[in-house]
N, C-alpha and C. Protein backbone atom coordinates (compact mmCIF):
# COMPACT_ATOMS: atom_id res chain seq x y z
N GLN A 1 20.82 -1.27 -8.02
CA GLN A 1 20.30 -1.54 -6.68
C GLN A 1 18.84 -1.09 -6.60
N VAL A 2 18.00 -1.98 -6.14
CA VAL A 2 16.58 -1.70 -6.04
C VAL A 2 16.27 -1.03 -4.70
N GLN A 3 15.51 0.05 -4.79
CA GLN A 3 15.03 0.71 -3.58
C GLN A 3 13.53 0.92 -3.69
N VAL A 4 12.85 0.69 -2.58
CA VAL A 4 11.40 0.87 -2.51
C VAL A 4 11.13 1.74 -1.29
N VAL A 5 10.47 2.87 -1.50
CA VAL A 5 10.26 3.83 -0.42
C VAL A 5 8.79 4.20 -0.33
N GLU A 6 8.20 3.91 0.82
CA GLU A 6 6.80 4.28 1.07
C GLU A 6 6.74 5.66 1.74
N SER A 7 5.64 6.34 1.51
CA SER A 7 5.39 7.62 2.17
C SER A 7 3.89 7.86 2.20
N GLY A 8 3.49 8.86 2.97
CA GLY A 8 2.09 9.25 3.00
C GLY A 8 1.32 8.83 4.24
N GLY A 9 1.97 8.08 5.10
CA GLY A 9 1.29 7.68 6.33
C GLY A 9 1.13 8.84 7.28
N GLY A 10 0.39 8.59 8.37
CA GLY A 10 0.20 9.62 9.37
C GLY A 10 -0.96 9.30 10.28
N LEU A 11 -1.36 10.31 11.02
CA LEU A 11 -2.48 10.20 11.94
C LEU A 11 -3.71 10.82 11.29
N VAL A 12 -4.80 10.08 11.30
CA VAL A 12 -6.03 10.57 10.68
C VAL A 12 -7.22 10.14 11.54
N GLN A 13 -8.27 10.95 11.53
CA GLN A 13 -9.46 10.61 12.29
C GLN A 13 -10.28 9.55 11.56
N PRO A 14 -11.06 8.79 12.30
CA PRO A 14 -11.97 7.83 11.64
C PRO A 14 -12.83 8.53 10.60
N GLY A 15 -12.97 7.86 9.46
CA GLY A 15 -13.72 8.44 8.36
C GLY A 15 -12.87 9.25 7.40
N GLY A 16 -11.63 9.49 7.77
CA GLY A 16 -10.75 10.29 6.94
C GLY A 16 -10.10 9.48 5.83
N SER A 17 -9.21 10.16 5.09
CA SER A 17 -8.54 9.54 3.94
C SER A 17 -7.04 9.81 3.99
N LEU A 18 -6.32 8.88 3.40
CA LEU A 18 -4.89 9.04 3.18
C LEU A 18 -4.53 8.41 1.83
N ARG A 19 -3.49 8.91 1.22
CA ARG A 19 -2.95 8.26 0.05
C ARG A 19 -1.49 7.90 0.29
N LEU A 20 -1.22 6.62 0.23
CA LEU A 20 0.15 6.14 0.38
C LEU A 20 0.82 6.05 -0.99
N SER A 21 2.11 6.34 -1.01
CA SER A 21 2.89 6.23 -2.23
C SER A 21 4.03 5.25 -2.03
N CYS A 22 4.36 4.55 -3.09
CA CYS A 22 5.47 3.61 -3.08
C CYS A 22 6.33 3.92 -4.30
N ALA A 23 7.43 4.61 -4.06
CA ALA A 23 8.31 5.01 -5.15
C ALA A 23 9.46 4.00 -5.27
N ALA A 24 9.66 3.52 -6.47
CA ALA A 24 10.70 2.51 -6.70
C ALA A 24 11.81 3.07 -7.57
N SER A 25 13.01 2.60 -7.34
CA SER A 25 14.15 2.90 -8.20
C SER A 25 14.93 1.62 -8.43
N GLY A 26 15.55 1.51 -9.58
CA GLY A 26 16.30 0.31 -9.91
C GLY A 26 15.45 -0.83 -10.43
N ILE A 27 14.15 -0.59 -10.56
CA ILE A 27 13.23 -1.61 -11.06
C ILE A 27 12.02 -0.90 -11.66
N ARG A 28 11.50 -1.43 -12.74
CA ARG A 28 10.32 -0.84 -13.37
C ARG A 28 9.09 -1.50 -12.78
N VAL A 29 8.28 -0.73 -12.06
CA VAL A 29 7.12 -1.32 -11.39
C VAL A 29 6.12 -1.87 -12.39
N SER A 30 6.12 -1.34 -13.60
CA SER A 30 5.15 -1.79 -14.60
C SER A 30 5.47 -3.19 -15.12
N PHE A 31 6.64 -3.71 -14.81
CA PHE A 31 7.03 -5.04 -15.29
C PHE A 31 6.65 -6.14 -14.30
N TYR A 32 6.25 -5.76 -13.10
CA TYR A 32 6.09 -6.75 -12.03
C TYR A 32 4.79 -6.54 -11.25
N ILE A 33 4.45 -7.56 -10.48
CA ILE A 33 3.36 -7.43 -9.53
C ILE A 33 3.77 -6.45 -8.44
N GLY A 34 2.82 -5.58 -8.08
CA GLY A 34 3.02 -4.68 -6.96
C GLY A 34 1.92 -4.91 -5.94
N ALA A 35 2.27 -4.76 -4.68
CA ALA A 35 1.28 -5.04 -3.64
C ALA A 35 1.51 -4.17 -2.42
N TRP A 36 0.43 -3.96 -1.69
CA TRP A 36 0.48 -3.32 -0.38
C TRP A 36 0.10 -4.36 0.67
N TYR A 37 0.90 -4.41 1.72
CA TYR A 37 0.63 -5.24 2.88
C TYR A 37 0.53 -4.32 4.10
N ARG A 38 -0.01 -4.86 5.16
CA ARG A 38 -0.01 -4.13 6.42
C ARG A 38 0.19 -5.09 7.57
N GLN A 39 0.73 -4.53 8.64
CA GLN A 39 0.95 -5.32 9.85
C GLN A 39 0.60 -4.49 11.06
N ALA A 40 -0.42 -4.95 11.78
CA ALA A 40 -0.84 -4.30 13.01
C ALA A 40 -0.08 -4.92 14.18
N PRO A 41 0.05 -4.20 15.28
CA PRO A 41 0.76 -4.74 16.44
C PRO A 41 0.21 -6.08 16.88
N GLY A 42 1.08 -7.06 17.03
CA GLY A 42 0.68 -8.37 17.51
C GLY A 42 0.00 -9.24 16.47
N LYS A 43 -0.05 -8.77 15.23
CA LYS A 43 -0.71 -9.54 14.17
C LYS A 43 0.25 -9.85 13.04
N GLN A 44 -0.13 -10.83 12.24
CA GLN A 44 0.69 -11.17 11.08
C GLN A 44 0.50 -10.14 9.97
N ARG A 45 1.51 -10.05 9.13
CA ARG A 45 1.42 -9.18 7.98
C ARG A 45 0.36 -9.75 7.03
N GLU A 46 -0.51 -8.88 6.52
CA GLU A 46 -1.56 -9.33 5.63
C GLU A 46 -1.53 -8.55 4.32
N LEU A 47 -1.94 -9.25 3.26
CA LEU A 47 -2.03 -8.62 1.95
C LEU A 47 -3.27 -7.73 1.90
N VAL A 48 -3.07 -6.50 1.49
CA VAL A 48 -4.18 -5.54 1.40
C VAL A 48 -4.69 -5.43 -0.02
N ALA A 49 -3.78 -5.26 -0.98
CA ALA A 49 -4.18 -5.07 -2.37
C ALA A 49 -3.01 -5.43 -3.27
N LYS A 50 -3.35 -5.85 -4.48
CA LYS A 50 -2.33 -6.30 -5.42
C LYS A 50 -2.69 -5.88 -6.83
N ILE A 51 -1.67 -5.44 -7.58
CA ILE A 51 -1.87 -5.05 -8.97
C ILE A 51 -0.88 -5.81 -9.83
N GLN A 52 -1.39 -6.39 -10.91
CA GLN A 52 -0.55 -7.17 -11.81
C GLN A 52 0.26 -6.25 -12.73
N SER A 53 1.21 -6.83 -13.42
CA SER A 53 2.06 -6.05 -14.31
C SER A 53 1.25 -5.41 -15.44
N ASP A 54 0.17 -6.06 -15.84
CA ASP A 54 -0.65 -5.50 -16.92
C ASP A 54 -1.66 -4.49 -16.41
N GLY A 55 -1.60 -4.19 -15.12
CA GLY A 55 -2.50 -3.20 -14.54
C GLY A 55 -3.76 -3.78 -13.94
N THR A 56 -3.97 -5.07 -14.11
CA THR A 56 -5.15 -5.73 -13.52
C THR A 56 -5.03 -5.75 -12.01
N ILE A 57 -6.10 -5.36 -11.36
CA ILE A 57 -6.13 -5.42 -9.91
C ILE A 57 -6.83 -6.72 -9.54
N ASP A 58 -6.12 -7.63 -8.92
CA ASP A 58 -6.69 -8.95 -8.71
C ASP A 58 -6.90 -9.31 -7.25
N HIS A 59 -6.69 -8.36 -6.36
CA HIS A 59 -6.95 -8.70 -4.97
C HIS A 59 -7.16 -7.46 -4.12
N TYR A 60 -8.19 -7.51 -3.31
CA TYR A 60 -8.37 -6.61 -2.18
C TYR A 60 -8.77 -7.46 -1.00
N ALA A 61 -8.19 -7.17 0.15
CA ALA A 61 -8.64 -7.85 1.36
C ALA A 61 -10.11 -7.51 1.61
N ASP A 62 -10.86 -8.45 2.12
CA ASP A 62 -12.29 -8.23 2.37
C ASP A 62 -12.51 -7.01 3.26
N SER A 63 -11.62 -6.80 4.18
CA SER A 63 -11.79 -5.72 5.16
C SER A 63 -11.63 -4.33 4.54
N VAL A 64 -11.04 -4.23 3.35
CA VAL A 64 -10.83 -2.92 2.75
C VAL A 64 -11.60 -2.75 1.44
N GLN A 65 -12.27 -3.80 0.99
CA GLN A 65 -13.01 -3.75 -0.28
C GLN A 65 -13.99 -2.59 -0.27
N GLY A 66 -13.94 -1.80 -1.34
CA GLY A 66 -14.84 -0.67 -1.46
C GLY A 66 -14.33 0.61 -0.80
N ARG A 67 -13.27 0.50 -0.03
CA ARG A 67 -12.72 1.69 0.65
C ARG A 67 -11.32 2.04 0.15
N PHE A 68 -10.54 1.04 -0.21
CA PHE A 68 -9.17 1.25 -0.66
C PHE A 68 -9.07 1.00 -2.15
N THR A 69 -8.16 1.74 -2.80
CA THR A 69 -7.91 1.56 -4.22
C THR A 69 -6.41 1.57 -4.49
N ILE A 70 -5.94 0.53 -5.14
CA ILE A 70 -4.54 0.48 -5.55
C ILE A 70 -4.45 0.96 -6.99
N SER A 71 -3.39 1.70 -7.27
CA SER A 71 -3.18 2.19 -8.63
C SER A 71 -1.68 2.35 -8.89
N ARG A 72 -1.36 2.65 -10.13
CA ARG A 72 0.06 2.74 -10.50
C ARG A 72 0.24 3.84 -11.53
N ASP A 73 1.31 4.59 -11.39
CA ASP A 73 1.70 5.60 -12.37
C ASP A 73 3.03 5.14 -12.96
N ASN A 74 2.98 4.62 -14.17
CA ASN A 74 4.19 4.07 -14.77
C ASN A 74 5.23 5.15 -15.03
N ALA A 75 4.79 6.33 -15.39
CA ALA A 75 5.72 7.42 -15.67
C ALA A 75 6.50 7.84 -14.42
N LYS A 76 5.83 7.76 -13.27
CA LYS A 76 6.48 8.11 -12.01
C LYS A 76 7.07 6.90 -11.32
N ASN A 77 6.87 5.72 -11.91
CA ASN A 77 7.38 4.47 -11.32
C ASN A 77 6.93 4.33 -9.87
N THR A 78 5.67 4.59 -9.65
CA THR A 78 5.12 4.66 -8.30
C THR A 78 3.79 3.91 -8.23
N ILE A 79 3.58 3.24 -7.12
CA ILE A 79 2.33 2.57 -6.82
C ILE A 79 1.66 3.31 -5.67
N TYR A 80 0.36 3.46 -5.76
CA TYR A 80 -0.39 4.20 -4.74
C TYR A 80 -1.41 3.31 -4.05
N LEU A 81 -1.78 3.72 -2.85
CA LEU A 81 -2.92 3.11 -2.16
C LEU A 81 -3.77 4.25 -1.61
N GLN A 82 -4.91 4.47 -2.25
CA GLN A 82 -5.86 5.47 -1.77
C GLN A 82 -6.74 4.80 -0.73
N MET A 83 -6.77 5.38 0.45
CA MET A 83 -7.53 4.80 1.56
C MET A 83 -8.58 5.79 2.00
N ASN A 84 -9.83 5.41 1.86
CA ASN A 84 -10.96 6.25 2.26
C ASN A 84 -11.75 5.59 3.39
N SER A 85 -12.56 6.38 4.04
CA SER A 85 -13.41 5.87 5.13
C SER A 85 -12.61 5.04 6.12
N LEU A 86 -11.51 5.59 6.53
CA LEU A 86 -10.59 4.84 7.40
C LEU A 86 -11.22 4.54 8.75
N LYS A 87 -10.86 3.38 9.28
CA LYS A 87 -11.38 2.91 10.55
C LYS A 87 -10.20 2.68 11.52
N PRO A 88 -10.46 2.69 12.81
CA PRO A 88 -9.37 2.42 13.76
C PRO A 88 -8.67 1.09 13.50
N GLU A 89 -9.40 0.10 13.00
CA GLU A 89 -8.79 -1.21 12.73
C GLU A 89 -7.89 -1.20 11.51
N ASP A 90 -7.83 -0.09 10.78
CA ASP A 90 -6.88 0.05 9.68
C ASP A 90 -5.50 0.48 10.18
N THR A 91 -5.41 0.79 11.46
CA THR A 91 -4.12 1.19 12.03
C THR A 91 -3.10 0.07 11.89
N ALA A 92 -1.97 0.39 11.27
CA ALA A 92 -0.93 -0.60 11.01
C ALA A 92 0.25 0.10 10.34
N VAL A 93 1.33 -0.65 10.23
CA VAL A 93 2.42 -0.23 9.35
C VAL A 93 2.13 -0.82 7.97
N TYR A 94 2.15 0.03 6.97
CA TYR A 94 1.84 -0.39 5.61
C TYR A 94 3.15 -0.51 4.82
N PHE A 95 3.28 -1.65 4.15
CA PHE A 95 4.48 -1.97 3.39
C PHE A 95 4.14 -2.15 1.91
N CYS A 96 5.06 -1.71 1.08
CA CYS A 96 4.95 -1.94 -0.36
C CYS A 96 5.88 -3.09 -0.75
N ASN A 97 5.41 -3.90 -1.66
CA ASN A 97 6.22 -5.02 -2.15
C ASN A 97 6.20 -5.02 -3.68
N ILE A 98 7.37 -5.16 -4.27
CA ILE A 98 7.49 -5.21 -5.72
C ILE A 98 8.09 -6.56 -6.10
N ALA A 99 7.47 -7.21 -7.05
CA ALA A 99 7.99 -8.46 -7.61
C ALA A 99 8.24 -9.51 -6.53
N HIS A 100 7.44 -9.49 -5.51
CA HIS A 100 7.50 -10.47 -4.40
C HIS A 100 8.74 -10.33 -3.53
N GLY A 101 9.81 -9.79 -4.07
CA GLY A 101 11.06 -9.84 -3.33
C GLY A 101 11.57 -8.55 -2.74
N PHE A 102 11.03 -7.42 -3.16
CA PHE A 102 11.56 -6.12 -2.75
C PHE A 102 10.55 -5.40 -1.87
N TRP A 103 11.00 -5.06 -0.66
CA TRP A 103 10.14 -4.43 0.33
C TRP A 103 10.66 -3.03 0.68
N GLY A 104 9.70 -2.17 1.00
CA GLY A 104 10.08 -0.90 1.57
C GLY A 104 10.17 -1.01 3.08
N GLN A 105 10.46 0.13 3.71
CA GLN A 105 10.66 0.15 5.16
C GLN A 105 9.33 0.29 5.92
N GLY A 106 8.29 0.62 5.21
CA GLY A 106 6.97 0.75 5.84
C GLY A 106 6.65 2.19 6.20
N THR A 107 5.35 2.48 6.27
CA THR A 107 4.88 3.78 6.70
C THR A 107 3.72 3.57 7.67
N GLN A 108 3.75 4.28 8.78
CA GLN A 108 2.77 4.09 9.84
C GLN A 108 1.48 4.83 9.51
N VAL A 109 0.37 4.12 9.63
CA VAL A 109 -0.95 4.72 9.51
C VAL A 109 -1.68 4.51 10.84
N THR A 110 -2.10 5.60 11.44
CA THR A 110 -2.83 5.53 12.70
C THR A 110 -4.17 6.23 12.53
N VAL A 111 -5.24 5.49 12.80
CA VAL A 111 -6.59 6.03 12.69
C VAL A 111 -7.16 6.13 14.10
N SER A 112 -7.33 7.36 14.55
CA SER A 112 -7.75 7.57 15.93
C SER A 112 -8.36 8.95 16.07
N SER A 113 -9.32 9.05 16.97
CA SER A 113 -9.91 10.35 17.27
C SER A 113 -9.22 10.99 18.46
């Protein structure tokens, strides 16, 4: 049984940083595409960043380019999203997706002073 669990969200001031974690079980993250999505209230879910099985990072949303970094620790079977210089418009529920089909429950990120 595949499980995907996000953590690391919270409340942060503008300009601050957070690191989200996506821990998987029942599936090897290094074998599949991994991605972070986010969904703000009243908006559609959008792709934030994506990492290929070979470790190639092939997508960042324009709005996060240069501020967010996706990475993977194969030994820990975990995908990360380092978020720096956070802005209020980054406020959303962030979801991890593995192999297109497996989703976590999401973690709330709120950027506010």
